[in-house]
Structure formats: structure tokens, C-alpha cells
N, C-alpha and C. Protein backbone atom coordinates (compact mmCIF):
# COMPACT_ATOMS: atom_id res chain seq x y z
N MET A 1 -48.43 -26.32 26.59
CA MET A 1 -47.30 -26.47 25.68
C MET A 1 -46.24 -27.30 26.39
N SER A 2 -45.68 -28.27 25.71
CA SER A 2 -44.67 -29.13 26.32
C SER A 2 -43.38 -28.34 26.53
N LYS A 3 -42.59 -28.82 27.45
CA LYS A 3 -41.32 -28.17 27.77
C LYS A 3 -40.39 -28.14 26.55
N THR A 4 -40.32 -29.23 25.80
CA THR A 4 -39.46 -29.32 24.61
C THR A 4 -39.92 -28.33 23.55
N LEU A 5 -41.22 -28.27 23.32
CA LEU A 5 -41.76 -27.34 22.34
C LEU A 5 -41.49 -25.89 22.76
N PHE A 6 -41.64 -25.61 24.05
CA PHE A 6 -41.41 -24.26 24.57
C PHE A 6 -39.94 -23.86 24.38
N ILE A 7 -39.01 -24.77 24.69
CA ILE A 7 -37.59 -24.49 24.53
C ILE A 7 -37.25 -24.28 23.05
N THR A 8 -37.83 -25.10 22.18
CA THR A 8 -37.62 -24.94 20.74
C THR A 8 -38.12 -23.57 20.28
N PHE A 9 -39.29 -23.18 20.77
CA PHE A 9 -39.87 -21.89 20.44
C PHE A 9 -38.94 -20.75 20.90
N LEU A 10 -38.42 -20.84 22.11
CA LEU A 10 -37.52 -19.81 22.63
C LEU A 10 -36.23 -19.73 21.81
N LEU A 11 -35.66 -20.88 21.47
CA LEU A 11 -34.44 -20.90 20.67
C LEU A 11 -34.67 -20.30 19.28
N PHE A 12 -35.80 -20.65 18.67
CA PHE A 12 -36.13 -20.10 17.35
C PHE A 12 -36.22 -18.57 17.43
N ASN A 13 -36.91 -18.05 18.43
CA ASN A 13 -37.05 -16.60 18.57
C ASN A 13 -35.72 -15.92 18.83
N LEU A 14 -34.87 -16.56 19.62
CA LEU A 14 -33.56 -16.00 19.90
C LEU A 14 -32.72 -15.94 18.63
N ILE A 15 -32.68 -17.03 17.89
CA ILE A 15 -31.91 -17.08 16.64
C ILE A 15 -32.48 -16.09 15.64
N TYR A 16 -33.79 -16.05 15.49
CA TYR A 16 -34.42 -15.14 14.54
C TYR A 16 -34.13 -13.69 14.89
N SER A 17 -34.23 -13.33 16.16
CA SER A 17 -34.01 -11.93 16.54
C SER A 17 -32.55 -11.54 16.35
N GLN A 18 -31.61 -12.45 16.60
CA GLN A 18 -30.20 -12.15 16.37
C GLN A 18 -29.93 -11.98 14.89
N ASN A 19 -30.47 -12.86 14.06
CA ASN A 19 -30.24 -12.75 12.61
C ASN A 19 -30.90 -11.51 12.03
N SER A 20 -32.10 -11.17 12.48
CA SER A 20 -32.74 -9.99 11.92
C SER A 20 -32.02 -8.73 12.38
N THR A 21 -31.43 -8.74 13.57
CA THR A 21 -30.65 -7.60 14.01
C THR A 21 -29.43 -7.43 13.12
N LEU A 22 -28.75 -8.54 12.82
CA LEU A 22 -27.59 -8.47 11.94
C LEU A 22 -27.99 -7.96 10.56
N MET A 23 -29.11 -8.44 10.06
CA MET A 23 -29.51 -8.08 8.70
C MET A 23 -30.06 -6.66 8.61
N ASN A 24 -30.28 -6.01 9.74
CA ASN A 24 -30.77 -4.64 9.71
C ASN A 24 -29.63 -3.63 9.81
N GLN A 25 -28.40 -4.07 9.68
CA GLN A 25 -27.27 -3.16 9.71
C GLN A 25 -27.27 -2.32 8.43
N THR A 26 -26.69 -1.14 8.54
CA THR A 26 -26.57 -0.26 7.38
C THR A 26 -25.12 0.20 7.25
N ILE A 27 -24.84 0.85 6.17
CA ILE A 27 -23.51 1.42 5.92
C ILE A 27 -23.22 2.55 6.90
N TYR A 28 -24.27 3.11 7.50
CA TYR A 28 -24.12 4.27 8.37
C TYR A 28 -23.37 3.97 9.67
N GLN A 29 -23.19 2.72 10.00
CA GLN A 29 -22.49 2.36 11.22
C GLN A 29 -20.97 2.57 11.11
N PHE A 30 -20.47 2.82 9.90
CA PHE A 30 -19.03 2.86 9.69
C PHE A 30 -18.46 4.28 9.69
N SER A 31 -17.31 4.38 10.31
CA SER A 31 -16.44 5.56 10.20
C SER A 31 -15.10 5.01 9.76
N ILE A 32 -14.44 5.72 8.88
CA ILE A 32 -13.18 5.23 8.33
C ILE A 32 -12.26 6.42 8.11
N GLU A 33 -10.99 6.15 8.04
CA GLU A 33 -10.02 7.20 7.76
C GLU A 33 -9.96 7.45 6.26
N ASP A 34 -10.06 8.72 5.87
CA ASP A 34 -9.95 9.03 4.45
C ASP A 34 -8.48 9.14 4.04
N ILE A 35 -8.25 9.40 2.78
CA ILE A 35 -6.89 9.41 2.21
C ILE A 35 -6.00 10.48 2.86
N ASN A 36 -6.62 11.50 3.47
CA ASN A 36 -5.87 12.58 4.13
C ASN A 36 -5.69 12.36 5.62
N GLY A 37 -6.20 11.23 6.13
CA GLY A 37 -6.07 10.93 7.55
C GLY A 37 -7.19 11.46 8.41
N ASP A 38 -8.22 12.03 7.80
CA ASP A 38 -9.38 12.53 8.54
C ASP A 38 -10.43 11.44 8.67
N THR A 39 -11.29 11.58 9.66
CA THR A 39 -12.37 10.61 9.86
C THR A 39 -13.51 10.92 8.91
N PHE A 40 -13.97 9.89 8.22
CA PHE A 40 -15.10 9.99 7.30
C PHE A 40 -16.23 9.17 7.89
N ASN A 41 -17.34 9.82 8.23
CA ASN A 41 -18.49 9.15 8.85
C ASN A 41 -19.57 8.89 7.81
N PHE A 42 -19.86 7.63 7.59
CA PHE A 42 -20.92 7.29 6.64
C PHE A 42 -22.29 7.75 7.13
N SER A 43 -22.44 7.96 8.43
CA SER A 43 -23.73 8.44 8.94
C SER A 43 -24.07 9.82 8.38
N ASN A 44 -23.08 10.56 7.90
CA ASN A 44 -23.32 11.87 7.29
C ASN A 44 -23.91 11.76 5.88
N LEU A 45 -24.03 10.53 5.37
CA LEU A 45 -24.53 10.33 4.01
C LEU A 45 -25.99 9.88 3.97
N LYS A 46 -26.66 9.92 5.10
CA LYS A 46 -28.06 9.48 5.13
C LYS A 46 -28.87 10.24 4.08
N GLY A 47 -29.67 9.49 3.33
CA GLY A 47 -30.50 10.06 2.28
C GLY A 47 -29.83 10.08 0.91
N LYS A 48 -28.55 9.72 0.83
CA LYS A 48 -27.83 9.70 -0.45
C LYS A 48 -27.68 8.27 -0.94
N LYS A 49 -27.64 8.12 -2.25
CA LYS A 49 -27.24 6.85 -2.85
C LYS A 49 -25.71 6.86 -2.90
N ILE A 50 -25.12 5.72 -2.59
CA ILE A 50 -23.67 5.63 -2.47
C ILE A 50 -23.15 4.52 -3.38
N MET A 51 -22.13 4.83 -4.15
CA MET A 51 -21.41 3.80 -4.90
C MET A 51 -20.04 3.64 -4.23
N ILE A 52 -19.78 2.45 -3.75
CA ILE A 52 -18.47 2.13 -3.18
C ILE A 52 -17.70 1.33 -4.22
N VAL A 53 -16.46 1.76 -4.48
CA VAL A 53 -15.62 1.12 -5.49
C VAL A 53 -14.24 0.87 -4.91
N ASN A 54 -13.76 -0.37 -5.00
CA ASN A 54 -12.36 -0.61 -4.65
C ASN A 54 -11.51 -0.27 -5.87
N THR A 55 -10.45 0.49 -5.65
CA THR A 55 -9.69 1.06 -6.76
C THR A 55 -8.23 0.64 -6.73
N ALA A 56 -7.54 0.87 -7.84
CA ALA A 56 -6.10 0.61 -7.95
C ALA A 56 -5.52 1.48 -9.06
N SER A 57 -4.30 1.90 -8.89
CA SER A 57 -3.65 2.84 -9.82
C SER A 57 -2.92 2.18 -10.97
N LYS A 58 -2.64 0.89 -10.86
CA LYS A 58 -1.83 0.22 -11.88
C LYS A 58 -2.57 -0.99 -12.46
N CYS A 59 -3.83 -0.80 -12.75
CA CYS A 59 -4.70 -1.87 -13.22
C CYS A 59 -5.19 -1.52 -14.63
N GLY A 60 -5.51 -2.52 -15.40
CA GLY A 60 -6.08 -2.27 -16.72
C GLY A 60 -7.40 -1.52 -16.64
N LEU A 61 -8.06 -1.58 -15.48
CA LEU A 61 -9.34 -0.88 -15.30
C LEU A 61 -9.17 0.51 -14.69
N THR A 62 -7.94 0.92 -14.40
CA THR A 62 -7.68 2.22 -13.78
C THR A 62 -8.32 3.38 -14.55
N PRO A 63 -8.40 3.35 -15.89
CA PRO A 63 -9.08 4.45 -16.59
C PRO A 63 -10.54 4.65 -16.17
N GLN A 64 -11.11 3.69 -15.43
CA GLN A 64 -12.47 3.91 -14.92
C GLN A 64 -12.52 5.11 -13.96
N TYR A 65 -11.38 5.49 -13.38
CA TYR A 65 -11.36 6.70 -12.55
C TYR A 65 -11.95 7.88 -13.31
N ASP A 66 -11.62 8.01 -14.58
CA ASP A 66 -12.12 9.12 -15.39
C ASP A 66 -13.64 9.07 -15.49
N LYS A 67 -14.18 7.91 -15.78
CA LYS A 67 -15.64 7.76 -15.90
C LYS A 67 -16.32 7.93 -14.54
N LEU A 68 -15.68 7.42 -13.49
CA LEU A 68 -16.25 7.60 -12.14
C LEU A 68 -16.33 9.09 -11.80
N GLN A 69 -15.27 9.83 -12.11
CA GLN A 69 -15.27 11.27 -11.84
C GLN A 69 -16.37 11.98 -12.64
N LYS A 70 -16.53 11.61 -13.89
CA LYS A 70 -17.58 12.23 -14.72
C LYS A 70 -18.98 11.88 -14.18
N LEU A 71 -19.15 10.64 -13.75
CA LEU A 71 -20.43 10.22 -13.16
C LEU A 71 -20.71 11.01 -11.88
N TYR A 72 -19.69 11.16 -11.06
CA TYR A 72 -19.82 11.93 -9.83
C TYR A 72 -20.20 13.37 -10.12
N GLU A 73 -19.52 13.98 -11.08
CA GLU A 73 -19.83 15.37 -11.43
C GLU A 73 -21.27 15.51 -11.93
N LYS A 74 -21.73 14.54 -12.70
CA LYS A 74 -23.08 14.60 -13.26
C LYS A 74 -24.17 14.48 -12.19
N TYR A 75 -23.94 13.64 -11.17
CA TYR A 75 -25.01 13.32 -10.22
C TYR A 75 -24.76 13.78 -8.78
N LYS A 76 -23.63 14.41 -8.49
CA LYS A 76 -23.31 14.75 -7.11
C LYS A 76 -24.33 15.68 -6.45
N ASN A 77 -25.05 16.45 -7.24
CA ASN A 77 -26.08 17.34 -6.69
C ASN A 77 -27.45 16.67 -6.62
N ASP A 78 -27.50 15.39 -6.94
CA ASP A 78 -28.75 14.62 -6.91
C ASP A 78 -28.71 13.53 -5.83
N ASN A 79 -28.12 13.88 -4.69
CA ASN A 79 -28.04 12.93 -3.56
C ASN A 79 -27.34 11.63 -3.95
N PHE A 80 -26.22 11.76 -4.65
CA PHE A 80 -25.41 10.61 -5.05
C PHE A 80 -23.95 10.91 -4.75
N ILE A 81 -23.24 9.90 -4.27
CA ILE A 81 -21.81 10.06 -3.98
C ILE A 81 -21.08 8.77 -4.33
N ILE A 82 -19.84 8.92 -4.73
CA ILE A 82 -18.96 7.79 -4.98
C ILE A 82 -17.88 7.83 -3.91
N ILE A 83 -17.56 6.67 -3.36
CA ILE A 83 -16.48 6.56 -2.37
C ILE A 83 -15.48 5.54 -2.91
N GLY A 84 -14.23 5.96 -3.08
CA GLY A 84 -13.18 5.07 -3.56
C GLY A 84 -12.39 4.48 -2.41
N PHE A 85 -12.10 3.20 -2.52
CA PHE A 85 -11.30 2.48 -1.53
C PHE A 85 -10.10 1.84 -2.21
N PRO A 86 -8.94 2.50 -2.21
CA PRO A 86 -7.75 1.89 -2.78
C PRO A 86 -7.40 0.60 -2.05
N ALA A 87 -7.03 -0.41 -2.82
CA ALA A 87 -6.65 -1.71 -2.23
C ALA A 87 -5.57 -2.34 -3.09
N ASN A 88 -4.66 -3.00 -2.44
CA ASN A 88 -3.52 -3.63 -3.12
C ASN A 88 -3.68 -5.15 -3.16
N ASP A 89 -4.90 -5.63 -3.24
CA ASP A 89 -5.20 -7.05 -3.11
C ASP A 89 -5.08 -7.86 -4.40
N PHE A 90 -4.99 -7.22 -5.54
CA PHE A 90 -4.98 -7.94 -6.80
C PHE A 90 -3.68 -7.61 -7.57
N LEU A 91 -2.78 -8.57 -7.58
CA LEU A 91 -1.50 -8.46 -8.28
C LEU A 91 -0.71 -7.21 -7.91
N SER A 92 -0.85 -6.76 -6.67
CA SER A 92 -0.11 -5.59 -6.16
C SER A 92 -0.28 -4.37 -7.07
N GLN A 93 -1.52 -4.13 -7.51
CA GLN A 93 -1.79 -3.05 -8.45
C GLN A 93 -2.07 -1.70 -7.79
N GLU A 94 -1.96 -1.66 -6.45
CA GLU A 94 -2.05 -0.39 -5.73
C GLU A 94 -0.94 -0.36 -4.69
N PRO A 95 0.32 -0.23 -5.16
CA PRO A 95 1.45 -0.29 -4.23
C PRO A 95 1.74 1.01 -3.49
N GLY A 96 1.17 2.11 -3.91
CA GLY A 96 1.54 3.43 -3.38
C GLY A 96 1.06 3.69 -1.96
N THR A 97 1.61 4.75 -1.39
CA THR A 97 1.16 5.25 -0.09
C THR A 97 -0.11 6.07 -0.31
N ASN A 98 -0.76 6.44 0.77
CA ASN A 98 -1.96 7.28 0.64
C ASN A 98 -1.65 8.59 -0.08
N ASP A 99 -0.52 9.21 0.24
CA ASP A 99 -0.15 10.47 -0.43
C ASP A 99 0.07 10.25 -1.93
N GLU A 100 0.74 9.16 -2.29
CA GLU A 100 0.98 8.86 -3.70
C GLU A 100 -0.32 8.58 -4.44
N ILE A 101 -1.23 7.86 -3.79
CA ILE A 101 -2.53 7.55 -4.40
C ILE A 101 -3.33 8.82 -4.61
N ALA A 102 -3.38 9.68 -3.60
CA ALA A 102 -4.13 10.94 -3.71
C ALA A 102 -3.58 11.79 -4.84
N SER A 103 -2.27 11.89 -4.92
CA SER A 103 -1.63 12.67 -5.97
C SER A 103 -1.93 12.09 -7.35
N PHE A 104 -1.83 10.77 -7.48
CA PHE A 104 -2.12 10.10 -8.75
C PHE A 104 -3.55 10.36 -9.20
N CYS A 105 -4.50 10.20 -8.30
CA CYS A 105 -5.92 10.38 -8.64
C CYS A 105 -6.21 11.81 -9.08
N LYS A 106 -5.66 12.77 -8.36
CA LYS A 106 -5.90 14.17 -8.68
C LYS A 106 -5.22 14.56 -10.00
N LYS A 107 -3.94 14.20 -10.13
CA LYS A 107 -3.15 14.61 -11.29
C LYS A 107 -3.64 13.95 -12.58
N ASN A 108 -3.93 12.66 -12.54
CA ASN A 108 -4.25 11.93 -13.76
C ASN A 108 -5.73 11.92 -14.12
N TYR A 109 -6.60 12.04 -13.12
CA TYR A 109 -8.03 11.92 -13.40
C TYR A 109 -8.87 13.04 -12.79
N GLY A 110 -8.26 13.98 -12.09
CA GLY A 110 -9.01 15.09 -11.51
C GLY A 110 -10.04 14.65 -10.48
N VAL A 111 -9.77 13.55 -9.78
CA VAL A 111 -10.74 12.98 -8.84
C VAL A 111 -11.06 13.95 -7.71
N THR A 112 -12.36 14.21 -7.54
CA THR A 112 -12.82 15.04 -6.42
C THR A 112 -13.76 14.26 -5.50
N PHE A 113 -14.20 13.06 -5.92
CA PHE A 113 -15.04 12.28 -5.00
C PHE A 113 -14.16 11.74 -3.88
N PRO A 114 -14.74 11.44 -2.72
CA PRO A 114 -13.94 11.01 -1.57
C PRO A 114 -13.20 9.69 -1.83
N ILE A 115 -11.93 9.70 -1.46
CA ILE A 115 -11.09 8.51 -1.50
C ILE A 115 -10.67 8.21 -0.06
N MET A 116 -10.77 6.97 0.33
CA MET A 116 -10.41 6.57 1.68
C MET A 116 -8.96 6.09 1.72
N SER A 117 -8.46 5.87 2.93
CA SER A 117 -7.13 5.30 3.10
C SER A 117 -7.09 3.91 2.49
N LYS A 118 -5.92 3.49 2.06
CA LYS A 118 -5.76 2.17 1.47
C LYS A 118 -6.11 1.09 2.50
N ILE A 119 -6.89 0.12 2.05
CA ILE A 119 -7.35 -0.97 2.91
C ILE A 119 -7.20 -2.29 2.16
N SER A 120 -7.61 -3.37 2.82
CA SER A 120 -7.70 -4.67 2.17
C SER A 120 -9.18 -4.99 1.97
N VAL A 121 -9.52 -5.53 0.79
CA VAL A 121 -10.91 -5.84 0.48
C VAL A 121 -11.18 -7.35 0.44
N LYS A 122 -10.18 -8.15 0.83
CA LYS A 122 -10.36 -9.59 0.88
C LYS A 122 -9.35 -10.20 1.84
N GLY A 123 -9.56 -11.46 2.16
CA GLY A 123 -8.61 -12.18 3.00
C GLY A 123 -8.77 -11.92 4.48
N LYS A 124 -7.77 -12.37 5.24
CA LYS A 124 -7.81 -12.28 6.70
C LYS A 124 -7.84 -10.85 7.21
N ASP A 125 -7.24 -9.93 6.47
CA ASP A 125 -7.20 -8.54 6.92
C ASP A 125 -8.23 -7.65 6.21
N MET A 126 -9.30 -8.29 5.70
CA MET A 126 -10.37 -7.53 5.03
C MET A 126 -10.92 -6.47 5.99
N HIS A 127 -11.05 -5.27 5.48
CA HIS A 127 -11.60 -4.18 6.29
C HIS A 127 -13.06 -4.48 6.65
N PRO A 128 -13.50 -4.11 7.85
CA PRO A 128 -14.89 -4.38 8.26
C PRO A 128 -15.95 -3.87 7.28
N ILE A 129 -15.70 -2.77 6.60
CA ILE A 129 -16.72 -2.27 5.66
C ILE A 129 -16.90 -3.25 4.49
N PHE A 130 -15.82 -3.89 4.05
CA PHE A 130 -15.95 -4.88 2.97
C PHE A 130 -16.45 -6.21 3.52
N ASN A 131 -16.22 -6.47 4.77
CA ASN A 131 -16.85 -7.63 5.40
C ASN A 131 -18.37 -7.45 5.36
N PHE A 132 -18.82 -6.25 5.70
CA PHE A 132 -20.25 -5.91 5.63
C PHE A 132 -20.78 -6.06 4.19
N LEU A 133 -20.05 -5.52 3.22
CA LEU A 133 -20.50 -5.53 1.84
C LEU A 133 -20.57 -6.93 1.23
N THR A 134 -19.78 -7.86 1.75
CA THR A 134 -19.69 -9.19 1.13
C THR A 134 -20.39 -10.30 1.92
N LYS A 135 -20.97 -9.98 3.06
CA LYS A 135 -21.62 -11.02 3.88
C LYS A 135 -23.11 -10.75 4.05
N LYS A 136 -23.93 -11.64 3.52
CA LYS A 136 -25.39 -11.47 3.61
C LYS A 136 -25.87 -11.34 5.05
N LYS A 137 -25.24 -12.09 5.96
CA LYS A 137 -25.68 -12.02 7.36
C LYS A 137 -25.48 -10.62 7.94
N LEU A 138 -24.64 -9.81 7.30
CA LEU A 138 -24.42 -8.44 7.75
C LEU A 138 -25.16 -7.41 6.90
N ASN A 139 -25.19 -7.63 5.58
CA ASN A 139 -25.78 -6.62 4.69
C ASN A 139 -27.25 -6.89 4.35
N GLY A 140 -27.74 -8.10 4.64
CA GLY A 140 -29.13 -8.42 4.39
C GLY A 140 -29.48 -8.61 2.92
N TYR A 141 -28.51 -8.51 2.03
CA TYR A 141 -28.77 -8.60 0.59
C TYR A 141 -28.25 -9.91 0.01
N LYS A 142 -26.94 -10.08 -0.01
CA LYS A 142 -26.38 -11.31 -0.55
C LYS A 142 -24.90 -11.44 -0.19
N ASP A 143 -24.44 -12.68 -0.23
CA ASP A 143 -23.02 -12.96 -0.10
C ASP A 143 -22.36 -12.68 -1.44
N SER A 144 -21.13 -12.19 -1.38
CA SER A 144 -20.36 -11.96 -2.60
C SER A 144 -18.89 -11.99 -2.23
N PHE A 145 -18.07 -11.81 -3.22
CA PHE A 145 -16.64 -11.61 -2.98
C PHE A 145 -16.17 -10.56 -3.98
N VAL A 146 -15.12 -9.87 -3.62
CA VAL A 146 -14.59 -8.85 -4.51
C VAL A 146 -13.78 -9.58 -5.57
N MET A 147 -14.24 -9.50 -6.82
CA MET A 147 -13.63 -10.25 -7.91
C MET A 147 -12.34 -9.60 -8.40
N TRP A 148 -12.28 -8.27 -8.40
CA TRP A 148 -11.14 -7.57 -8.96
C TRP A 148 -11.26 -6.10 -8.58
N ASN A 149 -10.27 -5.31 -8.97
CA ASN A 149 -10.33 -3.87 -8.76
C ASN A 149 -11.53 -3.29 -9.52
N PHE A 150 -12.12 -2.26 -8.97
CA PHE A 150 -13.23 -1.51 -9.55
C PHE A 150 -14.57 -2.25 -9.52
N GLN A 151 -14.73 -3.15 -8.55
CA GLN A 151 -16.06 -3.71 -8.30
C GLN A 151 -16.89 -2.61 -7.63
N LYS A 152 -18.16 -2.57 -7.95
CA LYS A 152 -19.01 -1.48 -7.47
C LYS A 152 -20.13 -2.04 -6.58
N TYR A 153 -20.30 -1.41 -5.42
CA TYR A 153 -21.37 -1.76 -4.48
C TYR A 153 -22.30 -0.56 -4.41
N LEU A 154 -23.58 -0.78 -4.70
CA LEU A 154 -24.55 0.30 -4.74
C LEU A 154 -25.43 0.24 -3.50
N ILE A 155 -25.36 1.31 -2.73
CA ILE A 155 -26.07 1.43 -1.45
C ILE A 155 -27.22 2.41 -1.64
N ASN A 156 -28.42 2.00 -1.25
CA ASN A 156 -29.57 2.89 -1.45
C ASN A 156 -29.60 4.03 -0.43
N SER A 157 -30.56 4.91 -0.56
CA SER A 157 -30.63 6.10 0.29
C SER A 157 -31.00 5.79 1.74
N ASN A 158 -31.28 4.53 2.04
CA ASN A 158 -31.52 4.10 3.42
C ASN A 158 -30.30 3.40 4.02
N GLY A 159 -29.20 3.39 3.28
CA GLY A 159 -27.96 2.81 3.77
C GLY A 159 -27.85 1.31 3.59
N LEU A 160 -28.73 0.74 2.76
CA LEU A 160 -28.75 -0.71 2.55
C LEU A 160 -28.13 -1.08 1.21
N LEU A 161 -27.34 -2.14 1.21
CA LEU A 161 -26.76 -2.65 -0.03
C LEU A 161 -27.89 -3.10 -0.94
N GLU A 162 -27.85 -2.64 -2.19
CA GLU A 162 -28.93 -2.95 -3.12
C GLU A 162 -28.45 -3.67 -4.38
N LYS A 163 -27.22 -3.41 -4.83
CA LYS A 163 -26.70 -4.06 -6.04
C LYS A 163 -25.20 -4.20 -5.93
N ILE A 164 -24.71 -5.23 -6.61
CA ILE A 164 -23.27 -5.44 -6.75
C ILE A 164 -23.00 -5.50 -8.25
N VAL A 165 -22.05 -4.68 -8.69
CA VAL A 165 -21.79 -4.54 -10.12
C VAL A 165 -20.35 -4.98 -10.41
N SER A 166 -20.20 -5.76 -11.44
CA SER A 166 -18.91 -6.30 -11.86
C SER A 166 -17.87 -5.21 -12.08
N PRO A 167 -16.61 -5.52 -11.79
CA PRO A 167 -15.54 -4.56 -12.06
C PRO A 167 -15.46 -4.15 -13.53
N TRP A 168 -15.85 -5.02 -14.43
CA TRP A 168 -15.74 -4.75 -15.86
C TRP A 168 -16.92 -3.96 -16.42
N THR A 169 -17.91 -3.71 -15.59
CA THR A 169 -19.04 -2.88 -15.99
C THR A 169 -18.63 -1.42 -15.82
N THR A 170 -18.77 -0.65 -16.88
CA THR A 170 -18.34 0.74 -16.80
C THR A 170 -19.33 1.58 -15.98
N PRO A 171 -18.85 2.66 -15.39
CA PRO A 171 -19.72 3.49 -14.56
C PRO A 171 -20.94 4.07 -15.27
N PHE A 172 -20.89 4.22 -16.59
CA PHE A 172 -22.03 4.77 -17.32
C PHE A 172 -22.92 3.68 -17.93
N ASP A 173 -22.80 2.47 -17.44
CA ASP A 173 -23.68 1.38 -17.88
C ASP A 173 -25.12 1.72 -17.51
N ASP A 174 -26.06 1.29 -18.36
CA ASP A 174 -27.49 1.58 -18.12
C ASP A 174 -27.98 1.10 -16.76
N LYS A 175 -27.49 -0.06 -16.29
CA LYS A 175 -27.99 -0.56 -15.00
C LYS A 175 -27.56 0.35 -13.84
N ILE A 176 -26.41 1.00 -13.98
CA ILE A 176 -25.97 1.94 -12.94
C ILE A 176 -26.73 3.25 -13.08
N LEU A 177 -26.84 3.76 -14.29
CA LEU A 177 -27.55 5.03 -14.50
C LEU A 177 -29.01 4.93 -14.07
N SER A 178 -29.67 3.84 -14.43
CA SER A 178 -31.08 3.70 -14.05
C SER A 178 -31.22 3.60 -12.53
N TRP A 179 -30.27 2.95 -11.88
CA TRP A 179 -30.30 2.84 -10.41
C TRP A 179 -30.15 4.23 -9.78
N ILE A 180 -29.21 5.02 -10.28
CA ILE A 180 -28.99 6.37 -9.74
C ILE A 180 -30.24 7.22 -9.94
N GLU A 181 -30.85 7.12 -11.12
CA GLU A 181 -31.95 8.01 -11.49
C GLU A 181 -33.30 7.59 -10.92
N GLU A 182 -33.44 6.33 -10.52
CA GLU A 182 -34.75 5.92 -9.98
C GLU A 182 -34.98 6.58 -8.63
N LYS A 183 -36.21 6.98 -8.43
CA LYS A 183 -36.57 7.69 -7.18
C LYS A 183 -36.99 6.76 -6.11
């Protein structure tokens, strides 16, 4: 084997192994602060299907909290969980503090699914979990961007991103229900 061919072969293997390592990441690598200031470890969710939703309290889509809560109640005993991530990235529609957000969610929608501390889901200060969700080189699925509040990321029971659902798609849409119910 020529020296040039050998070096090319080594470089290809190095690049391939680095990319495949990146693409084998899962949601389980993340720990984040929840709305109460406690640590929430995604590694504790192994074996569950996870819906991650960026949320806001002053958005036209805010009533989706009600449907999200009903969906959570219906499937929470079937290895399914919803995780809300408040974000103020779209027209300042989540201006509140963590305490104000928690109170709003509980009082207005009876939310019992986990809500995390307010983060950014786009731009220079994008939280690492949304960097993972939106970059194919990290999630192994596809590149995307968060279009608006209430975009949904569906993570399979192996911790891998499997679907991205539009903010305007309601939580009880057939594509979401069939995903939750498929074994």
C-alpha cells in the first residue's frame, strides 16, 4: 500500500470514528436544573419515550399546556414523559421567573409533567440540550431549528431523537399518538 493511500485510509478512519461517536450520543448524557432548582438527570429516563417541548406563557399556542397535561396523564404509566422547557426566545413570550412560570403552569393548566428552568432554545446562548436536538452531528437524526414556542422533539426509548413535530401540531395529533403507542 502506498504511503499516500495509507495516510488517506488513516484519515478516513479517524474522521469516521469521530463522526460516529458524535452521532451515537443520546439524551441521557444531559442533566439540567428543573424549575425548582433541583437537578434533573435524563439518564433516569432510560426505557421511556420522551417528548421535549419548548414552552411559553404568553403565546397564542400556550393553551397547548392543557393538551400536553392531558396527554401526559393518559400515557404517563406507559413509559412516556413530557419535559417542558420554558424559553423567552420568541417575541419575549416567556418573560417570567422560574417561580412565576411554575405558578402559572400549575394554576392555569394543572401541569404535573416536569418543567425545567427557563433556558434559551436558539442563538448564541442556546442551551446544550437544544444544541443536541437541532444538530444532526450530535443527534444522528437531522438538523433543525426551533421554529416557535411548543415545538416538539420525540425521543425514543433508547434516548435517540426520532421525530420533530411542528409547534402548530397539537399534542393529540395522530402522528404523535401513533408514535407513543407503537412498541
